[in-house]
C-alpha atoms as a PDB file:
ATOM      1  CA  MET A   1      -8.937   6.944  -3.830  1.00  0.00           C
ATOM      2  CA  THR A   2      -7.373   9.675  -1.711  1.00  0.00           C
ATOM      3  CA  GLY A   3      -5.306  12.520  -3.128  1.00  0.00           C
ATOM      4  CA  ARG A   4      -2.146  10.826  -1.862  1.00  0.00           C
ATOM      5  CA  GLN A   5      -3.127   7.569  -3.532  1.00  0.00           C
ATOM      6  CA  LYS A   6      -3.758   9.350  -6.840  1.00  0.00           C
ATOM      7  CA  ILE A   7      -0.313  10.966  -6.685  1.00  0.00           C
ATOM      8  CA  LEU A   8       1.352   7.650  -5.819  1.00  0.00           C
ATOM      9  CA  LYS A   9      -0.461   5.953  -8.697  1.00  0.00           C
ATOM     10  CA  ALA A  10       0.746   8.638 -11.102  1.00  0.00           C
ATOM     11  CA  VAL A  11       4.384   8.568  -9.960  1.00  0.00           C
ATOM     12  CA  TYR A  12       4.695   4.755  -9.818  1.00  0.00           C
ATOM     13  CA  PRO A  13       6.327   4.415 -13.285  1.00  0.00           C
ATOM     14  CA  ILE A  14       8.855   7.119 -12.369  1.00  0.00           C
ATOM     15  CA  LEU A  15       9.607   5.453  -9.025  1.00  0.00           C
ATOM     16  CA  MET A  16      10.301   2.142 -10.776  1.00  0.00           C
ATOM     17  CA  LYS A  17      12.683   3.796 -13.250  1.00  0.00           C
ATOM     18  CA  ILE A  18      14.576   5.632 -10.516  1.00  0.00           C
ATOM     19  CA  THR A  19      14.889   2.651  -8.160  1.00  0.00           C
ATOM     20  CA  ASN A  20      16.081   0.386 -10.968  1.00  0.00           C
ATOM     21  CA  LEU A  21      18.514   3.020 -12.239  1.00  0.00           C
ATOM     22  CA  PHE A  22      20.126   3.294  -8.811  1.00  0.00           C
ATOM     23  CA  GLY A  23      19.760  -0.378  -7.892  1.00  0.00           C
ATOM     24  CA  ALA A  24      17.477   0.273  -4.938  1.00  0.00           C
ATOM     25  CA  ARG A  25      15.277  -2.504  -3.606  1.00  0.00           C
ATOM     26  CA  ASN A  26      15.816  -4.671  -6.677  1.00  0.00           C
ATOM     27  CA  LYS A  27      17.409  -7.780  -5.173  1.00  0.00           C
ATOM     28  CA  ALA A  28      16.386 -11.144  -6.624  1.00  0.00           C
ATOM     29  CA  LEU A  29      17.269 -14.462  -4.975  1.00  0.00           C
ATOM     30  CA  GLN A  30      16.838 -17.922  -6.438  1.00  0.00           C
ATOM     31  CA  ASN A  31      16.884 -21.428  -5.030  1.00  0.00           C
ATOM     32  CA  THR A  32      19.566 -22.455  -7.543  1.00  0.00           C
ATOM     33  CA  GLU A  33      20.374 -25.707  -5.707  1.00  0.00           C
ATOM     34  CA  LYS A  34      16.697 -26.745  -5.808  1.00  0.00           C
ATOM     35  CA  LEU A  35      16.677 -27.283  -2.043  1.00  0.00           C
ATOM     36  CA  SER A  36      13.487 -28.734  -0.624  1.00  0.00           C
ATOM     37  CA  SER A  37      11.698 -27.170   2.304  1.00  0.00           C
ATOM     38  CA  ALA A  38      12.307 -28.531   5.792  1.00  0.00           C
ATOM     39  CA  THR A  39       8.625 -28.158   6.677  1.00  0.00           C
ATOM     40  CA  SER A  40       5.672 -28.117   4.292  1.00  0.00           C
ATOM     41  CA  ILE A  41       4.015 -24.835   3.376  1.00  0.00           C
ATOM     42  CA  TYR A  42       0.904 -26.915   2.680  1.00  0.00           C
ATOM     43  CA  ASP A  43       0.502 -27.441   6.441  1.00  0.00           C
ATOM     44  CA  LEU A  44      -0.128 -23.705   6.852  1.00  0.00           C
ATOM     45  CA  PHE A  45      -3.510 -22.011   6.713  1.00  0.00           C
ATOM     46  CA  LEU A  46      -4.562 -18.874   4.881  1.00  0.00           C
ATOM     47  CA  ARG A  47      -7.204 -16.593   6.347  1.00  0.00           C
ATOM     48  CA  LEU A  48      -8.745 -14.406   3.642  1.00  0.00           C
ATOM     49  CA  ASN A  49     -10.105 -10.924   4.275  1.00  0.00           C
ATOM     50  CA  ASN A  50     -13.630 -12.234   3.626  1.00  0.00           C
ATOM     51  CA  GLY A  51     -13.366 -14.672   6.551  1.00  0.00           C
ATOM     52  CA  GLN A  52     -12.607 -17.827   4.563  1.00  0.00           C
ATOM     53  CA  HIS A  53      -9.967 -20.020   6.159  1.00  0.00           C
ATOM     54  CA  PHE A  54      -8.284 -22.952   4.409  1.00  0.00           C
ATOM     55  CA  SER A  55      -5.020 -24.860   3.998  1.00  0.00           C
ATOM     56  CA  LEU A  56      -2.534 -23.773   1.352  1.00  0.00           C
ATOM     57  CA  ASN A  57      -2.787 -27.411   0.257  1.00  0.00           C
ATOM     58  CA  LYS A  58      -5.683 -26.074  -1.853  1.00  0.00           C
ATOM     59  CA  PHE A  59      -3.078 -24.648  -4.233  1.00  0.00           C
ATOM     60  CA  LYS A  60      -0.898 -27.759  -4.472  1.00  0.00           C
ATOM     61  CA  GLY A  61       0.187 -28.245  -8.078  1.00  0.00           C
ATOM     62  CA  LYS A  62       0.230 -24.495  -8.789  1.00  0.00           C
ATOM     63  CA  LYS A  63       2.903 -21.904  -8.230  1.00  0.00           C
ATOM     64  CA  MET A  64       2.078 -19.272  -5.603  1.00  0.00           C
ATOM     65  CA  LEU A  65       3.330 -15.674  -5.696  1.00  0.00           C
ATOM     66  CA  LEU A  66       2.968 -14.355  -2.145  1.00  0.00           C
ATOM     67  CA  VAL A  67       3.263 -10.574  -1.837  1.00  0.00           C
ATOM     68  CA  ASN A  68       3.007  -8.218   1.140  1.00  0.00           C
ATOM     69  CA  THR A  69       0.930  -5.245  -0.016  1.00  0.00           C
ATOM     70  CA  ALA A  70      -0.128  -1.747   1.043  1.00  0.00           C
ATOM     71  CA  SER A  71      -2.571   0.852  -0.302  1.00  0.00           C
ATOM     72  CA  ASN A  72      -0.510   3.995   0.379  1.00  0.00           C
ATOM     73  CA  CYS A  73       2.901   3.030  -0.975  1.00  0.00           C
ATOM     74  CA  GLY A  74       4.883   4.175  -3.982  1.00  0.00           C
ATOM     75  CA  TYR A  75       4.710   0.574  -5.190  1.00  0.00           C
ATOM     76  CA  THR A  76       0.906   0.286  -4.863  1.00  0.00           C
ATOM     77  CA  GLY A  77       0.674   0.459  -8.672  1.00  0.00           C
ATOM     78  CA  GLN A  78       1.971  -3.105  -8.661  1.00  0.00           C
ATOM     79  CA  TYR A  79      -1.555  -4.254  -7.801  1.00  0.00           C
ATOM     80  CA  ARG A  80      -2.405  -3.749 -11.493  1.00  0.00           C
ATOM     81  CA  GLU A  81       0.673  -5.705 -12.581  1.00  0.00           C
ATOM     82  CA  LEU A  82      -0.051  -8.515 -10.128  1.00  0.00           C
ATOM     83  CA  GLN A  83      -3.602  -8.727 -11.469  1.00  0.00           C
ATOM     84  CA  LYS A  84      -2.320  -8.887 -15.054  1.00  0.00           C
ATOM     85  CA  LEU A  85       0.160 -11.623 -14.086  1.00  0.00           C
ATOM     86  CA  GLN A  86      -2.643 -13.579 -12.398  1.00  0.00           C
ATOM     87  CA  GLU A  87      -4.890 -13.290 -15.446  1.00  0.00           C
ATOM     88  CA  GLU A  88      -2.165 -14.312 -17.897  1.00  0.00           C
ATOM     89  CA  TYR A  89      -0.884 -17.324 -15.957  1.00  0.00           C
ATOM     90  CA  ASN A  90      -3.968 -18.388 -13.970  1.00  0.00           C
ATOM     91  CA  ARG A  91      -3.723 -22.030 -15.052  1.00  0.00           C
ATOM     92  CA  ASP A  92      -0.334 -22.389 -13.354  1.00  0.00           C
ATOM     93  CA  LEU A  93      -0.187 -19.554 -10.810  1.00  0.00           C
ATOM     94  CA  VAL A  94      -2.119 -18.022  -7.953  1.00  0.00           C
ATOM     95  CA  VAL A  95      -1.164 -14.571  -6.664  1.00  0.00           C
ATOM     96  CA  ILE A  96      -2.002 -13.927  -2.999  1.00  0.00           C
ATOM     97  CA  GLY A  97      -1.769 -10.460  -1.462  1.00  0.00           C
ATOM     98  CA  PHE A  98      -0.965 -10.012   2.239  1.00  0.00           C
ATOM     99  CA  PRO A  99      -1.924  -6.476   3.290  1.00  0.00           C
ATOM    100  CA  ALA A 100       0.358  -5.278   6.083  1.00  0.00           C
ATOM    101  CA  ASN A 101       0.921  -2.037   7.971  1.00  0.00           C
ATOM    102  CA  ASP A 102       4.563  -2.811   8.810  1.00  0.00           C
ATOM    103  CA  PHE A 103       6.336  -0.203   6.680  1.00  0.00           C
ATOM    104  CA  LYS A 104       5.717   3.458   7.573  1.00  0.00           C
ATOM    105  CA  GLU A 105       2.038   2.680   8.356  1.00  0.00           C
ATOM    106  CA  GLN A 106       1.114   2.584   4.678  1.00  0.00           C
ATOM    107  CA  GLU A 107      -1.828   0.219   5.187  1.00  0.00           C
ATOM    108  CA  LYS A 108      -4.112   1.618   7.876  1.00  0.00           C
ATOM    109  CA  GLY A 109      -7.418   0.449   6.368  1.00  0.00           C
ATOM    110  CA  SER A 110      -9.676  -2.368   7.544  1.00  0.00           C
ATOM    111  CA  ASP A 111      -9.941  -5.603   5.553  1.00  0.00           C
ATOM    112  CA  GLU A 112     -13.153  -4.322   3.960  1.00  0.00           C
ATOM    113  CA  GLU A 113     -11.593  -0.963   3.023  1.00  0.00           C
ATOM    114  CA  ILE A 114      -8.526  -2.647   1.566  1.00  0.00           C
ATOM    115  CA  ALA A 115     -10.614  -5.030  -0.546  1.00  0.00           C
ATOM    116  CA  ARG A 116     -12.789  -2.205  -1.857  1.00  0.00           C
ATOM    117  CA  PHE A 117      -9.726  -0.095  -2.707  1.00  0.00           C
ATOM    118  CA  CYS A 118      -8.076  -2.972  -4.603  1.00  0.00           C
ATOM    119  CA  ILE A 119     -11.208  -3.847  -6.577  1.00  0.00           C
ATOM    120  CA  ASP A 120     -12.276  -0.280  -7.381  1.00  0.00           C
ATOM    121  CA  ASN A 121      -8.846   1.050  -8.375  1.00  0.00           C
ATOM    122  CA  TYR A 122      -6.936  -1.945  -9.712  1.00  0.00           C
ATOM    123  CA  GLY A 123      -9.576  -4.554 -10.594  1.00  0.00           C
ATOM    124  CA  VAL A 124      -8.002  -7.087  -8.214  1.00  0.00           C
ATOM    125  CA  THR A 125      -9.612 -10.531  -8.280  1.00  0.00           C
ATOM    126  CA  PHE A 126      -6.764 -12.565  -6.747  1.00  0.00           C
ATOM    127  CA  PRO A 127      -7.079 -13.591  -3.075  1.00  0.00           C
ATOM    128  CA  LEU A 128      -6.272 -11.072  -0.355  1.00  0.00           C
ATOM    129  CA  ALA A 129      -5.379 -12.323   3.107  1.00  0.00           C
ATOM    130  CA  THR A 130      -6.669 -10.657   6.227  1.00  0.00           C
ATOM    131  CA  LYS A 131      -4.360  -7.810   7.292  1.00  0.00           C
ATOM    132  CA  SER A 132      -1.429  -9.104   9.330  1.00  0.00           C
ATOM    133  CA  SER A 133       2.232  -8.466  10.135  1.00  0.00           C
ATOM    134  CA  VAL A 134       4.818  -9.831   7.704  1.00  0.00           C
ATOM    135  CA  VAL A 135       8.013  -8.791   9.514  1.00  0.00           C
ATOM    136  CA  LYS A 136       9.926 -10.870  12.040  1.00  0.00           C
ATOM    137  CA  GLY A 137       8.422 -10.811  15.513  1.00  0.00           C
ATOM    138  CA  ASP A 138       5.859 -12.405  17.796  1.00  0.00           C
ATOM    139  CA  HIS A 139       2.940 -11.457  15.535  1.00  0.00           C
ATOM    140  CA  GLN A 140       4.453 -12.360  12.162  1.00  0.00           C
ATOM    141  CA  ASN A 141       2.049 -14.136   9.837  1.00  0.00           C
ATOM    142  CA  ALA A 142       2.978 -17.856   9.934  1.00  0.00           C
ATOM    143  CA  ILE A 143       3.204 -17.970   6.136  1.00  0.00           C
ATOM    144  CA  PHE A 144       5.795 -15.167   6.157  1.00  0.00           C
ATOM    145  CA  THR A 145       7.670 -16.881   8.980  1.00  0.00           C
ATOM    146  CA  TRP A 146       7.962 -19.884   6.655  1.00  0.00           C
ATOM    147  CA  LEU A 147       8.946 -17.748   3.646  1.00  0.00           C
ATOM    148  CA  SER A 148      11.731 -15.941   5.513  1.00  0.00           C
ATOM    149  CA  SER A 149      13.181 -18.717   7.715  1.00  0.00           C
ATOM    150  CA  LYS A 150      15.808 -21.059   6.274  1.00  0.00           C
ATOM    151  CA  GLU A 151      14.959 -23.595   8.999  1.00  0.00           C
ATOM    152  CA  LYS A 152      11.477 -23.875   7.466  1.00  0.00           C
ATOM    153  CA  ASN A 153      11.829 -23.215   3.723  1.00  0.00           C
ATOM    154  CA  GLY A 154      15.258 -24.845   3.326  1.00  0.00           C
ATOM    155  CA  TRP A 155      17.412 -21.940   2.083  1.00  0.00           C
ATOM    156  CA  ASN A 156      16.099 -18.381   2.479  1.00  0.00           C
ATOM    157  CA  ASP A 157      16.268 -15.998   5.455  1.00  0.00           C
ATOM    158  CA  GLN A 158      15.346 -12.865   3.467  1.00  0.00           C
ATOM    159  CA  GLN A 159      12.646 -10.851   5.254  1.00  0.00           C
ATOM    160  CA  PRO A 160      10.445  -8.451   3.266  1.00  0.00           C
ATOM    161  CA  THR A 161      12.453  -5.260   2.745  1.00  0.00           C
ATOM    162  CA  TRP A 162       9.387  -3.087   2.068  1.00  0.00           C
ATOM    163  CA  ASN A 163       5.839  -3.346   0.761  1.00  0.00           C
ATOM    164  CA  PHE A 164       5.512  -5.502  -2.365  1.00  0.00           C
ATOM    165  CA  SER A 165       8.293  -7.965  -1.611  1.00  0.00           C
ATOM    166  CA  LYS A 166       7.510 -11.138  -3.572  1.00  0.00           C
ATOM    167  CA  TYR A 167       8.081 -14.819  -2.818  1.00  0.00           C
ATOM    168  CA  LEU A 168       7.475 -17.479  -5.472  1.00  0.00           C
ATOM    169  CA  VAL A 169       6.662 -20.990  -4.273  1.00  0.00           C
ATOM    170  CA  ASP A 170       6.801 -23.714  -6.909  1.00  0.00           C
ATOM    171  CA  GLU A 171       4.089 -26.273  -7.681  1.00  0.00           C
ATOM    172  CA  ASN A 172       5.705 -28.749  -5.262  1.00  0.00           C
ATOM    173  CA  GLY A 173       5.603 -26.357  -2.328  1.00  0.00           C
ATOM    174  CA  ASN A 174       9.269 -25.338  -2.379  1.00  0.00           C
ATOM    175  CA  LEU A 175      10.367 -21.712  -2.197  1.00  0.00           C
ATOM    176  CA  ALA A 176      11.872 -20.942  -5.606  1.00  0.00           C
ATOM    177  CA  ASN A 177      12.517 -17.175  -5.645  1.00  0.00           C
ATOM    178  CA  TYR A 178      12.474 -13.931  -3.711  1.00  0.00           C
ATOM    179  CA  PHE A 179      12.051 -10.567  -5.479  1.00  0.00           C
ATOM    180  CA  ASP A 180      12.473  -7.123  -3.897  1.00  0.00           C
ATOM    181  CA  PRO A 181       9.777  -4.425  -4.297  1.00  0.00           C
ATOM    182  CA  SER A 182      11.457  -2.710  -7.262  1.00  0.00           C
ATOM    183  CA  VAL A 183      11.294  -5.910  -9.304  1.00  0.00           C
ATOM    184  CA  SER A 184       8.079  -5.555 -11.289  1.00  0.00           C
ATOM    185  CA  PRO A 185       5.646  -8.487 -11.271  1.00  0.00           C
ATOM    186  CA  LEU A 186       5.772  -8.227 -15.076  1.00  0.00           C
ATOM    187  CA  SER A 187       9.580  -8.182 -15.261  1.00  0.00           C
ATOM    188  CA  GLU A 188      11.408 -10.777 -17.309  1.00  0.00           C
ATOM    189  CA  GLU A 189      12.836 -12.212 -14.062  1.00  0.00           C
ATOM    190  CA  VAL A 190       9.428 -12.869 -12.507  1.00  0.00           C
ATOM    191  CA  ILE A 191       7.789 -14.126 -15.680  1.00  0.00           C
ATOM    192  CA  SER A 192      10.700 -16.486 -16.397  1.00  0.00           C
ATOM    193  CA  ALA A 193      10.396 -17.894 -12.878  1.00  0.00           C
ATOM    194  CA  VAL A 194       6.622 -18.328 -13.264  1.00  0.00           C
ATOM    195  CA  LYS A 195       7.088 -20.060 -16.616  1.00  0.00           C
ATOM    196  CA  ALA A 196       9.955 -22.285 -15.444  1.00  0.00           C
ATOM    197  CA  ALA A 197       9.400 -25.948 -16.226  1.00  0.00           C
ATOM    198  CA  LYS A 198       7.973 -28.093 -13.478  1.00  0.00           C
END
């Protein structure tokens, strides 16, 4: 862990208090009308940072929390919270991290460096995708194109606003919620959405 990463880890709780106090990056959206997706997320493929490549159909019947991540961000401390969420709800939920260098170049490492950082510093065991772009453009990860395009997911056009934006897909493959970076993975909002009845 670099000096910068140690400082960011230490100030994470303060950052969360400040951003929530001032209402920064704490938007939460919900598919209140229970709209179904126009195209199936299960037709998309996930490439992990260890080279594995498989259809998201593998997770059919479970909720998926899909999060764009970075190792040098004020929100990087959420790796620990995401891991705790995964451990507590692993029967019904899979967390998947999508490392991306889209916001202020806060993820410059290779796939191997990112994986080592996450394991050594936060005990991450949930899947990490190969590093990709999550923002709109020609190189956007196809999964994030689906998550942030109403034409595909049925209702939501919200792009990630920063590192650690969170999208919850229900056990039927429909996008259920979007949570901004300042919404903790262990917040009542996220946990309620994870625990929502099928």
